[in-house]
N, C-alpha and C. Protein backbone atom coordinates (compact mmCIF):
# COMPACT_ATOMS: atom_id res chain seq x y z
N MET A 1 236.41 43.54 -42.90
CA MET A 1 237.82 43.83 -43.12
C MET A 1 238.28 44.89 -42.15
N HIS A 2 239.45 44.70 -41.53
CA HIS A 2 239.97 45.65 -40.59
C HIS A 2 241.00 46.55 -41.27
N GLU A 3 241.67 47.40 -40.49
CA GLU A 3 242.64 48.32 -41.05
C GLU A 3 243.79 47.57 -41.70
N LYS A 4 244.45 48.23 -42.65
CA LYS A 4 245.62 47.70 -43.36
C LYS A 4 245.27 46.47 -44.19
N GLY A 5 244.01 46.33 -44.56
CA GLY A 5 243.62 45.27 -45.49
C GLY A 5 243.63 43.88 -44.90
N THR A 6 243.60 43.75 -43.58
CA THR A 6 243.58 42.43 -42.97
C THR A 6 242.15 41.93 -42.82
N TYR A 7 241.99 40.65 -42.89
CA TYR A 7 240.69 40.03 -42.75
C TYR A 7 240.64 39.22 -41.45
N VAL A 8 239.50 39.21 -40.82
CA VAL A 8 239.29 38.40 -39.63
C VAL A 8 238.39 37.24 -40.01
N ARG A 9 238.86 36.04 -39.79
CA ARG A 9 238.08 34.85 -40.12
C ARG A 9 237.52 34.23 -38.84
N ILE A 10 236.22 34.07 -38.78
CA ILE A 10 235.58 33.45 -37.62
C ILE A 10 235.23 32.01 -37.99
N GLU A 11 235.86 31.07 -37.30
CA GLU A 11 235.61 29.66 -37.59
C GLU A 11 234.43 29.16 -36.77
N VAL A 12 233.62 28.33 -37.39
CA VAL A 12 232.50 27.71 -36.70
C VAL A 12 232.63 26.20 -36.86
N ALA A 13 232.06 25.48 -35.91
CA ALA A 13 232.13 24.02 -35.94
C ALA A 13 231.28 23.46 -37.07
N ASP A 14 231.62 22.25 -37.48
CA ASP A 14 230.85 21.56 -38.51
C ASP A 14 229.46 21.24 -37.97
N PRO A 15 228.40 21.75 -38.61
CA PRO A 15 227.04 21.53 -38.10
C PRO A 15 226.40 20.23 -38.55
N THR A 16 227.13 19.41 -39.31
CA THR A 16 226.53 18.21 -39.88
C THR A 16 225.93 17.26 -38.83
N PRO A 17 226.63 16.97 -37.72
CA PRO A 17 226.01 16.08 -36.72
C PRO A 17 224.69 16.62 -36.17
N LEU A 18 224.63 17.93 -35.96
CA LEU A 18 223.39 18.53 -35.46
C LEU A 18 222.26 18.36 -36.47
N GLY A 19 222.53 18.70 -37.72
CA GLY A 19 221.50 18.60 -38.74
C GLY A 19 221.03 17.18 -38.96
N LEU A 20 221.98 16.24 -39.00
CA LEU A 20 221.61 14.84 -39.22
C LEU A 20 220.85 14.26 -38.02
N THR A 21 221.21 14.70 -36.81
CA THR A 21 220.47 14.24 -35.64
C THR A 21 219.03 14.75 -35.67
N GLY A 22 218.86 16.02 -36.08
CA GLY A 22 217.51 16.55 -36.23
C GLY A 22 216.69 15.75 -37.22
N LEU A 23 217.30 15.43 -38.36
CA LEU A 23 216.61 14.62 -39.38
C LEU A 23 216.29 13.23 -38.83
N ALA A 24 217.28 12.61 -38.18
CA ALA A 24 217.09 11.24 -37.69
C ALA A 24 216.01 11.18 -36.62
N MET A 25 216.00 12.15 -35.72
CA MET A 25 215.03 12.13 -34.63
C MET A 25 213.59 12.31 -35.14
N VAL A 26 213.39 13.29 -36.03
CA VAL A 26 212.03 13.56 -36.48
C VAL A 26 211.51 12.43 -37.36
N THR A 27 212.36 11.82 -38.16
CA THR A 27 211.90 10.71 -39.00
C THR A 27 211.62 9.48 -38.15
N LEU A 28 212.36 9.29 -37.05
CA LEU A 28 212.07 8.17 -36.14
C LEU A 28 210.68 8.32 -35.52
N VAL A 29 210.39 9.51 -35.01
CA VAL A 29 209.10 9.74 -34.36
C VAL A 29 207.96 9.65 -35.38
N ALA A 30 208.16 10.26 -36.56
CA ALA A 30 207.12 10.23 -37.59
C ALA A 30 206.88 8.81 -38.10
N ALA A 31 207.96 8.03 -38.24
CA ALA A 31 207.82 6.65 -38.70
C ALA A 31 207.05 5.81 -37.70
N SER A 32 207.24 6.10 -36.41
CA SER A 32 206.52 5.32 -35.38
C SER A 32 205.01 5.49 -35.53
N GLN A 33 204.58 6.67 -35.95
CA GLN A 33 203.15 6.92 -36.14
C GLN A 33 202.66 6.25 -37.43
N LYS A 34 203.45 6.36 -38.50
CA LYS A 34 203.04 5.74 -39.76
C LYS A 34 202.96 4.22 -39.66
N LEU A 35 203.85 3.64 -38.86
CA LEU A 35 203.88 2.19 -38.72
C LEU A 35 202.85 1.67 -37.71
N GLY A 36 202.14 2.58 -37.06
CA GLY A 36 201.13 2.18 -36.09
C GLY A 36 201.68 1.83 -34.73
N TRP A 37 202.97 2.15 -34.47
CA TRP A 37 203.56 1.88 -33.17
C TRP A 37 203.10 2.91 -32.14
N THR A 38 202.76 4.12 -32.61
CA THR A 38 202.19 5.17 -31.77
C THR A 38 200.96 5.72 -32.47
N GLU A 39 200.19 6.52 -31.76
CA GLU A 39 198.96 7.06 -32.34
C GLU A 39 198.91 8.58 -32.20
N GLY A 40 198.22 9.20 -33.15
CA GLY A 40 197.99 10.64 -33.08
C GLY A 40 199.14 11.46 -33.63
N LEU A 41 198.90 12.77 -33.68
CA LEU A 41 199.89 13.70 -34.23
C LEU A 41 200.39 14.72 -33.20
N SER A 42 199.72 14.83 -32.07
CA SER A 42 199.99 15.92 -31.14
C SER A 42 201.45 15.98 -30.70
N LEU A 43 202.02 14.84 -30.31
CA LEU A 43 203.39 14.84 -29.81
C LEU A 43 204.43 14.72 -30.92
N LEU A 44 203.99 14.61 -32.17
CA LEU A 44 204.93 14.70 -33.28
C LEU A 44 205.28 16.16 -33.58
N ILE A 45 204.36 17.06 -33.29
CA ILE A 45 204.51 18.46 -33.70
C ILE A 45 205.74 19.12 -33.10
N PRO A 46 206.00 19.03 -31.78
CA PRO A 46 207.19 19.71 -31.25
C PRO A 46 208.49 19.19 -31.82
N TRP A 47 208.55 17.88 -32.07
CA TRP A 47 209.79 17.31 -32.63
C TRP A 47 209.95 17.72 -34.08
N ALA A 48 208.85 17.83 -34.81
CA ALA A 48 208.92 18.30 -36.19
C ALA A 48 209.42 19.74 -36.26
N ILE A 49 208.94 20.58 -35.33
CA ILE A 49 209.33 21.99 -35.34
C ILE A 49 210.76 22.18 -34.87
N PHE A 50 211.10 21.59 -33.71
CA PHE A 50 212.38 21.90 -33.10
C PHE A 50 213.54 21.04 -33.61
N LEU A 51 213.33 19.74 -33.76
CA LEU A 51 214.40 18.89 -34.26
C LEU A 51 214.42 18.85 -35.78
N GLY A 52 213.27 18.54 -36.37
CA GLY A 52 213.21 18.50 -37.83
C GLY A 52 213.40 19.87 -38.45
N GLY A 53 212.85 20.90 -37.79
CA GLY A 53 212.90 22.25 -38.35
C GLY A 53 214.09 23.06 -37.89
N PHE A 54 214.08 23.49 -36.63
CA PHE A 54 215.09 24.43 -36.15
C PHE A 54 216.51 23.86 -36.17
N ALA A 55 216.67 22.59 -35.77
CA ALA A 55 218.02 22.00 -35.76
C ALA A 55 218.61 21.98 -37.17
N GLN A 56 217.78 21.61 -38.16
CA GLN A 56 218.30 21.57 -39.53
C GLN A 56 218.52 22.98 -40.08
N LEU A 57 217.69 23.94 -39.67
CA LEU A 57 217.92 25.31 -40.12
C LEU A 57 219.18 25.90 -39.51
N MET A 58 219.48 25.57 -38.26
CA MET A 58 220.74 25.99 -37.66
C MET A 58 221.92 25.41 -38.44
N ALA A 59 221.82 24.13 -38.78
CA ALA A 59 222.88 23.49 -39.56
C ALA A 59 223.00 24.15 -40.93
N CYS A 60 221.87 24.53 -41.51
CA CYS A 60 221.86 25.22 -42.81
C CYS A 60 222.65 26.52 -42.74
N VAL A 61 222.38 27.33 -41.73
CA VAL A 61 223.05 28.63 -41.61
C VAL A 61 224.56 28.45 -41.47
N TYR A 62 224.97 27.51 -40.63
CA TYR A 62 226.40 27.33 -40.41
C TYR A 62 227.08 26.64 -41.59
N ASP A 63 226.35 25.85 -42.34
CA ASP A 63 226.93 25.30 -43.56
C ASP A 63 227.13 26.39 -44.61
N PHE A 64 226.26 27.39 -44.65
CA PHE A 64 226.51 28.54 -45.51
C PHE A 64 227.81 29.22 -45.11
N LYS A 65 228.06 29.34 -43.80
CA LYS A 65 229.30 29.95 -43.32
C LYS A 65 230.51 29.10 -43.70
N HIS A 66 230.31 27.80 -43.79
CA HIS A 66 231.37 26.88 -44.21
C HIS A 66 231.54 26.85 -45.73
N ASN A 67 230.70 27.58 -46.44
CA ASN A 67 230.67 27.53 -47.91
C ASN A 67 230.35 26.11 -48.40
N ASN A 68 229.49 25.43 -47.65
CA ASN A 68 229.06 24.07 -48.00
C ASN A 68 227.68 24.17 -48.63
N LEU A 69 227.64 24.32 -49.93
CA LEU A 69 226.38 24.51 -50.64
C LEU A 69 225.46 23.32 -50.48
N PHE A 70 226.02 22.11 -50.53
CA PHE A 70 225.19 20.92 -50.40
C PHE A 70 224.49 20.88 -49.05
N GLY A 71 225.26 20.98 -47.97
CA GLY A 71 224.68 20.91 -46.63
C GLY A 71 223.70 22.03 -46.37
N ALA A 72 224.06 23.25 -46.78
CA ALA A 72 223.19 24.40 -46.54
C ALA A 72 221.86 24.24 -47.27
N THR A 73 221.91 23.80 -48.51
CA THR A 73 220.69 23.63 -49.30
C THR A 73 219.82 22.51 -48.75
N ALA A 74 220.45 21.35 -48.50
CA ALA A 74 219.68 20.20 -48.02
C ALA A 74 219.06 20.47 -46.65
N PHE A 75 219.87 20.93 -45.70
CA PHE A 75 219.34 21.18 -44.36
C PHE A 75 218.29 22.29 -44.37
N GLY A 76 218.50 23.30 -45.20
CA GLY A 76 217.53 24.39 -45.28
C GLY A 76 216.20 23.93 -45.85
N ILE A 77 216.25 23.19 -46.95
CA ILE A 77 215.03 22.73 -47.60
C ILE A 77 214.25 21.78 -46.70
N TYR A 78 214.95 20.84 -46.08
CA TYR A 78 214.24 19.85 -45.26
C TYR A 78 213.85 20.42 -43.90
N GLY A 79 214.61 21.37 -43.39
CA GLY A 79 214.19 22.04 -42.15
C GLY A 79 212.88 22.78 -42.33
N LEU A 80 212.77 23.52 -43.42
CA LEU A 80 211.53 24.23 -43.70
C LEU A 80 210.39 23.26 -44.01
N PHE A 81 210.73 22.12 -44.61
CA PHE A 81 209.71 21.10 -44.87
C PHE A 81 209.05 20.65 -43.57
N TRP A 82 209.85 20.35 -42.55
CA TRP A 82 209.28 19.82 -41.32
C TRP A 82 208.48 20.86 -40.55
N ILE A 83 208.89 22.11 -40.61
CA ILE A 83 208.09 23.16 -39.98
C ILE A 83 206.74 23.27 -40.69
N SER A 84 206.76 23.17 -42.01
CA SER A 84 205.52 23.23 -42.79
C SER A 84 204.64 22.02 -42.51
N VAL A 85 205.26 20.85 -42.37
CA VAL A 85 204.49 19.65 -42.04
C VAL A 85 203.83 19.80 -40.68
N ALA A 86 204.57 20.34 -39.71
CA ALA A 86 203.99 20.56 -38.38
C ALA A 86 202.80 21.50 -38.46
N ALA A 87 202.93 22.56 -39.25
CA ALA A 87 201.81 23.50 -39.41
C ALA A 87 200.62 22.81 -40.08
N SER A 88 200.89 21.93 -41.03
CA SER A 88 199.81 21.19 -41.70
C SER A 88 199.08 20.28 -40.72
N TRP A 89 199.85 19.61 -39.87
CA TRP A 89 199.22 18.76 -38.84
C TRP A 89 198.36 19.60 -37.90
N MET A 90 198.85 20.78 -37.54
CA MET A 90 198.09 21.65 -36.63
C MET A 90 196.79 22.12 -37.28
N ILE A 91 196.84 22.38 -38.58
CA ILE A 91 195.61 22.74 -39.30
C ILE A 91 194.63 21.56 -39.26
N LYS A 92 195.15 20.36 -39.54
CA LYS A 92 194.30 19.16 -39.56
C LYS A 92 193.66 18.92 -38.19
N LEU A 93 194.40 19.20 -37.13
CA LEU A 93 193.90 18.98 -35.77
C LEU A 93 192.98 20.09 -35.28
N GLY A 94 192.81 21.14 -36.08
CA GLY A 94 191.92 22.23 -35.72
C GLY A 94 192.52 23.29 -34.83
N VAL A 95 193.85 23.33 -34.71
CA VAL A 95 194.51 24.32 -33.86
C VAL A 95 194.20 25.74 -34.33
N PHE A 96 194.09 25.92 -35.63
CA PHE A 96 193.85 27.25 -36.18
C PHE A 96 192.37 27.50 -36.50
N GLY A 97 191.51 26.63 -35.98
CA GLY A 97 190.09 26.84 -36.15
C GLY A 97 189.45 25.85 -37.10
N PRO A 98 188.12 25.72 -37.02
CA PRO A 98 187.40 24.72 -37.82
C PRO A 98 187.39 25.01 -39.31
N ILE A 99 187.45 26.28 -39.70
CA ILE A 99 187.37 26.60 -41.14
C ILE A 99 188.57 26.04 -41.88
N LEU A 100 189.78 26.27 -41.33
CA LEU A 100 190.97 25.72 -41.97
C LEU A 100 190.96 24.19 -41.92
N ALA A 101 190.49 23.63 -40.82
CA ALA A 101 190.45 22.16 -40.70
C ALA A 101 189.51 21.55 -41.73
N GLN A 102 188.38 22.21 -41.97
CA GLN A 102 187.42 21.69 -42.94
C GLN A 102 187.93 21.81 -44.38
N GLY A 103 188.84 22.75 -44.60
CA GLY A 103 189.38 22.93 -45.95
C GLY A 103 190.63 22.10 -46.22
N TYR A 104 190.91 21.14 -45.35
CA TYR A 104 192.11 20.31 -45.46
C TYR A 104 191.94 19.31 -46.61
N ASP A 105 192.79 19.41 -47.62
CA ASP A 105 192.74 18.49 -48.76
C ASP A 105 194.12 17.86 -48.90
N VAL A 106 194.23 16.59 -48.52
CA VAL A 106 195.52 15.92 -48.48
C VAL A 106 196.17 15.85 -49.86
N ARG A 107 195.38 15.99 -50.92
CA ARG A 107 195.97 15.95 -52.26
C ARG A 107 196.88 17.15 -52.52
N GLN A 108 196.63 18.26 -51.82
CA GLN A 108 197.55 19.39 -51.95
C GLN A 108 198.93 19.03 -51.41
N LEU A 109 198.94 18.24 -50.32
CA LEU A 109 200.23 17.75 -49.83
C LEU A 109 200.89 16.83 -50.85
N GLY A 110 200.07 16.13 -51.62
CA GLY A 110 200.62 15.29 -52.68
C GLY A 110 201.46 16.10 -53.66
N PHE A 111 201.00 17.31 -53.98
CA PHE A 111 201.77 18.16 -54.89
C PHE A 111 203.01 18.72 -54.20
N VAL A 112 202.90 18.96 -52.89
CA VAL A 112 204.09 19.36 -52.13
C VAL A 112 205.14 18.26 -52.20
N PHE A 113 204.72 17.03 -51.98
CA PHE A 113 205.65 15.90 -52.02
C PHE A 113 206.23 15.72 -53.42
N LEU A 114 205.45 16.00 -54.44
CA LEU A 114 205.96 15.95 -55.80
C LEU A 114 207.08 16.96 -55.99
N GLY A 115 206.85 18.18 -55.52
CA GLY A 115 207.87 19.21 -55.63
C GLY A 115 209.14 18.83 -54.89
N TYR A 116 208.96 18.27 -53.69
CA TYR A 116 210.13 17.86 -52.92
C TYR A 116 210.83 16.67 -53.55
N LEU A 117 210.08 15.80 -54.21
CA LEU A 117 210.71 14.69 -54.93
C LEU A 117 211.60 15.22 -56.05
N ILE A 118 211.13 16.24 -56.75
CA ILE A 118 211.91 16.80 -57.85
C ILE A 118 213.22 17.40 -57.34
N ILE A 119 213.15 18.29 -56.33
CA ILE A 119 214.37 18.92 -55.84
C ILE A 119 215.27 17.91 -55.15
N SER A 120 214.67 16.90 -54.50
CA SER A 120 215.48 15.87 -53.84
C SER A 120 216.26 15.04 -54.85
N ALA A 121 215.72 14.87 -56.04
CA ALA A 121 216.45 14.13 -57.08
C ALA A 121 217.74 14.88 -57.44
N PHE A 122 217.67 16.21 -57.53
CA PHE A 122 218.87 16.99 -57.81
C PHE A 122 219.86 16.91 -56.64
N ILE A 123 219.35 16.98 -55.42
CA ILE A 123 220.22 16.90 -54.25
C ILE A 123 220.87 15.52 -54.17
N THR A 124 220.16 14.49 -54.60
CA THR A 124 220.72 13.13 -54.61
C THR A 124 221.91 13.06 -55.55
N VAL A 125 221.79 13.63 -56.73
CA VAL A 125 222.91 13.64 -57.67
C VAL A 125 224.09 14.39 -57.06
N ALA A 126 223.82 15.51 -56.39
CA ALA A 126 224.89 16.27 -55.73
C ALA A 126 225.53 15.44 -54.62
N ALA A 127 224.73 14.60 -53.96
CA ALA A 127 225.25 13.78 -52.86
C ALA A 127 226.29 12.77 -53.33
N PHE A 128 226.30 12.46 -54.62
CA PHE A 128 227.28 11.51 -55.14
C PHE A 128 228.72 11.99 -54.91
N LYS A 129 228.90 13.28 -54.63
CA LYS A 129 230.23 13.82 -54.36
C LYS A 129 230.53 13.90 -52.86
N THR A 130 229.63 13.38 -52.01
CA THR A 130 229.86 13.45 -50.56
C THR A 130 230.34 12.10 -50.03
N ASN A 131 229.46 11.30 -49.51
CA ASN A 131 229.83 9.97 -49.01
C ASN A 131 228.63 9.04 -49.14
N LYS A 132 228.90 7.76 -48.97
CA LYS A 132 227.86 6.76 -49.23
C LYS A 132 226.73 6.82 -48.22
N ALA A 133 227.00 7.24 -47.00
CA ALA A 133 225.93 7.36 -46.02
C ALA A 133 224.93 8.42 -46.44
N LEU A 134 225.43 9.58 -46.88
CA LEU A 134 224.53 10.64 -47.35
C LEU A 134 223.83 10.25 -48.64
N ILE A 135 224.53 9.52 -49.50
CA ILE A 135 223.90 9.04 -50.74
C ILE A 135 222.72 8.12 -50.39
N ALA A 136 222.93 7.21 -49.44
CA ALA A 136 221.86 6.29 -49.04
C ALA A 136 220.68 7.06 -48.46
N ILE A 137 220.97 8.06 -47.62
CA ILE A 137 219.89 8.86 -47.04
C ILE A 137 219.10 9.56 -48.14
N MET A 138 219.79 10.14 -49.11
CA MET A 138 219.11 10.89 -50.16
C MET A 138 218.29 9.97 -51.06
N VAL A 139 218.80 8.79 -51.39
CA VAL A 139 218.02 7.85 -52.20
C VAL A 139 216.75 7.45 -51.46
N LEU A 140 216.89 7.21 -50.16
CA LEU A 140 215.72 6.85 -49.35
C LEU A 140 214.73 8.02 -49.24
N ILE A 141 215.25 9.24 -49.16
CA ILE A 141 214.37 10.41 -49.14
C ILE A 141 213.56 10.50 -50.44
N ASP A 142 214.21 10.17 -51.56
CA ASP A 142 213.48 10.16 -52.84
C ASP A 142 212.33 9.14 -52.79
N VAL A 143 212.62 7.95 -52.27
CA VAL A 143 211.59 6.92 -52.17
C VAL A 143 210.50 7.36 -51.21
N LEU A 144 210.90 8.00 -50.11
CA LEU A 144 209.93 8.50 -49.14
C LEU A 144 208.95 9.47 -49.79
N PHE A 145 209.47 10.45 -50.53
CA PHE A 145 208.57 11.43 -51.14
C PHE A 145 207.70 10.80 -52.22
N LEU A 146 208.23 9.82 -52.93
CA LEU A 146 207.41 9.10 -53.91
C LEU A 146 206.26 8.39 -53.20
N GLY A 147 206.58 7.70 -52.10
CA GLY A 147 205.54 6.99 -51.35
C GLY A 147 204.52 7.95 -50.75
N LEU A 148 204.98 9.06 -50.16
CA LEU A 148 204.06 10.05 -49.58
C LEU A 148 203.17 10.67 -50.65
N MET A 149 203.76 10.96 -51.80
CA MET A 149 202.99 11.57 -52.88
C MET A 149 201.88 10.63 -53.36
N LEU A 150 202.24 9.40 -53.66
CA LEU A 150 201.25 8.46 -54.19
C LEU A 150 200.21 8.09 -53.14
N SER A 151 200.63 8.03 -51.87
CA SER A 151 199.67 7.78 -50.79
C SER A 151 198.68 8.94 -50.67
N SER A 152 199.18 10.17 -50.80
CA SER A 152 198.31 11.36 -50.71
C SER A 152 197.31 11.41 -51.86
N PHE A 153 197.71 10.88 -53.00
CA PHE A 153 196.82 10.85 -54.15
C PHE A 153 195.91 9.62 -54.15
N GLY A 154 195.94 8.84 -53.06
CA GLY A 154 195.04 7.70 -52.94
C GLY A 154 195.39 6.52 -53.80
N MET A 155 196.69 6.29 -54.02
CA MET A 155 197.13 5.22 -54.90
C MET A 155 197.29 3.87 -54.20
N GLY A 156 196.85 3.78 -52.96
CA GLY A 156 196.90 2.48 -52.28
C GLY A 156 197.70 2.52 -50.99
N GLU A 157 197.32 1.63 -50.06
CA GLU A 157 197.96 1.54 -48.75
C GLU A 157 199.42 1.13 -48.86
N ILE A 158 199.77 0.43 -49.94
CA ILE A 158 201.15 -0.04 -50.10
C ILE A 158 202.14 1.11 -50.08
N TRP A 159 201.74 2.26 -50.64
CA TRP A 159 202.65 3.41 -50.69
C TRP A 159 202.83 4.04 -49.32
N HIS A 160 201.79 3.99 -48.51
CA HIS A 160 201.92 4.47 -47.13
C HIS A 160 202.92 3.59 -46.37
N ASN A 161 202.83 2.28 -46.57
CA ASN A 161 203.73 1.36 -45.88
C ASN A 161 205.17 1.52 -46.37
N ILE A 162 205.33 1.73 -47.67
CA ILE A 162 206.67 1.96 -48.21
C ILE A 162 207.27 3.23 -47.60
N ALA A 163 206.45 4.28 -47.53
CA ALA A 163 206.92 5.54 -46.94
C ALA A 163 207.31 5.34 -45.48
N ALA A 164 206.53 4.56 -44.74
CA ALA A 164 206.79 4.36 -43.31
C ALA A 164 208.12 3.65 -43.08
N TRP A 165 208.35 2.54 -43.78
CA TRP A 165 209.58 1.80 -43.58
C TRP A 165 210.79 2.56 -44.12
N THR A 166 210.58 3.31 -45.19
CA THR A 166 211.67 4.12 -45.73
C THR A 166 212.05 5.21 -44.74
N GLU A 167 211.04 5.82 -44.11
CA GLU A 167 211.32 6.88 -43.13
C GLU A 167 212.10 6.32 -41.94
N LEU A 168 211.76 5.13 -41.50
CA LEU A 168 212.50 4.49 -40.41
C LEU A 168 213.95 4.23 -40.83
N SER A 169 214.16 3.80 -42.06
CA SER A 169 215.51 3.54 -42.56
C SER A 169 216.33 4.83 -42.62
N ILE A 170 215.69 5.93 -43.04
CA ILE A 170 216.37 7.23 -43.05
C ILE A 170 216.84 7.58 -41.65
N SER A 171 215.98 7.34 -40.66
CA SER A 171 216.32 7.66 -39.28
C SER A 171 217.54 6.87 -38.83
N LEU A 172 217.56 5.59 -39.05
CA LEU A 172 218.65 4.74 -38.57
C LEU A 172 219.98 5.12 -39.22
N ILE A 173 219.97 5.34 -40.52
CA ILE A 173 221.20 5.74 -41.20
C ILE A 173 221.59 7.15 -40.78
N GLY A 174 220.60 8.01 -40.54
CA GLY A 174 220.87 9.37 -40.10
C GLY A 174 221.57 9.40 -38.75
N PHE A 175 221.12 8.58 -37.80
CA PHE A 175 221.79 8.50 -36.50
C PHE A 175 223.23 8.02 -36.66
N TYR A 176 223.42 7.00 -37.50
CA TYR A 176 224.78 6.49 -37.73
C TYR A 176 225.66 7.59 -38.33
N ALA A 177 225.15 8.27 -39.35
CA ALA A 177 225.94 9.31 -40.03
C ALA A 177 226.26 10.46 -39.09
N ALA A 178 225.30 10.83 -38.23
CA ALA A 178 225.54 11.91 -37.27
C ALA A 178 226.64 11.51 -36.30
N GLY A 179 226.54 10.29 -35.76
CA GLY A 179 227.56 9.82 -34.82
C GLY A 179 228.92 9.69 -35.47
N ALA A 180 228.94 9.16 -36.70
CA ALA A 180 230.21 8.99 -37.40
C ALA A 180 230.86 10.34 -37.70
N ASN A 181 230.08 11.30 -38.14
CA ASN A 181 230.63 12.63 -38.42
C ASN A 181 231.24 13.24 -37.16
N MET A 182 230.57 13.11 -36.04
CA MET A 182 231.06 13.71 -34.80
C MET A 182 232.33 13.00 -34.32
N LEU A 183 232.32 11.68 -34.28
CA LEU A 183 233.48 10.95 -33.79
C LEU A 183 234.69 11.13 -34.70
N ASN A 184 234.46 11.05 -36.00
CA ASN A 184 235.57 11.21 -36.94
C ASN A 184 236.20 12.59 -36.84
N LYS A 185 235.37 13.61 -36.64
CA LYS A 185 235.87 14.98 -36.51
C LYS A 185 236.60 15.16 -35.19
N MET A 186 236.04 14.63 -34.11
CA MET A 186 236.66 14.81 -32.80
C MET A 186 238.00 14.10 -32.68
N TYR A 187 238.12 12.91 -33.29
CA TYR A 187 239.35 12.13 -33.17
C TYR A 187 240.32 12.37 -34.33
N GLY A 188 239.87 13.11 -35.33
CA GLY A 188 240.76 13.43 -36.44
C GLY A 188 241.13 12.24 -37.31
N ARG A 189 240.35 11.19 -37.24
CA ARG A 189 240.57 10.02 -38.08
C ARG A 189 239.25 9.26 -38.21
N THR A 190 239.22 8.26 -39.05
CA THR A 190 237.99 7.52 -39.29
C THR A 190 237.74 6.52 -38.17
N ILE A 191 236.77 6.82 -37.35
CA ILE A 191 236.33 5.89 -36.31
C ILE A 191 235.21 5.01 -36.86
N LEU A 192 234.23 5.66 -37.50
CA LEU A 192 233.14 4.95 -38.18
C LEU A 192 233.15 5.38 -39.64
N PRO A 193 233.28 4.45 -40.56
CA PRO A 193 233.37 4.82 -41.99
C PRO A 193 232.04 5.32 -42.53
N LEU A 194 232.13 6.32 -43.40
CA LEU A 194 230.95 6.86 -44.08
C LEU A 194 230.91 6.45 -45.54
N GLY A 195 231.99 5.92 -46.05
CA GLY A 195 232.02 5.48 -47.44
C GLY A 195 232.49 6.57 -48.37
N ALA A 196 233.30 6.20 -49.32
CA ALA A 196 233.84 7.17 -50.27
C ALA A 196 232.75 7.67 -51.22
N PRO A 197 232.92 8.88 -51.76
CA PRO A 197 231.95 9.37 -52.75
C PRO A 197 231.98 8.52 -54.01
N ILE A 198 230.85 8.54 -54.73
CA ILE A 198 230.80 7.82 -56.01
C ILE A 198 231.50 8.64 -57.09
N TRP A 199 231.31 9.96 -57.08
CA TRP A 199 231.98 10.84 -58.02
C TRP A 199 232.94 11.73 -57.27
N ASN A 200 234.22 11.68 -57.63
CA ASN A 200 235.21 12.55 -57.01
C ASN A 200 235.27 13.88 -57.72
């Protein structure tokens, strides 16, 4: 607040396209590995950290500035998820030494995925007040975490395959939603529809 009780408002751009692009890019790369189109984890790590992690965390911070609780919470939670996933892959690959690599128990990730499934269910309900593209992404994220959780607990290859195709679907819708958000904002009208919310 400045003198005479005046307030200075600093406007920032809508970070949604950035956050959604980060989500779309990292899920595309991760899905390629799960589907067997690519091999290994080494080149997934930078994209998980920078696109999945930092890009979504940047969007989180600016959504807080926009007073957008939904965007800030979702981008923050999933941004930190991808940084943690990258760290887990690095442990598995022995980057932090053989002791940590030998203590790798994928079932612990199963409980992580369970926790994320629970919070994602709440975020999905909140998404009903946004648009159909985000609703679709959130429903698919719920299915993804269910598949990852059951796969981590050794419940069968089918859950790994479900997670892989679901992750690819998240990526494709994420790219569309990112592009639509940017074009609609830039042109001030609906260029690409995102769909009306289910709950107004």
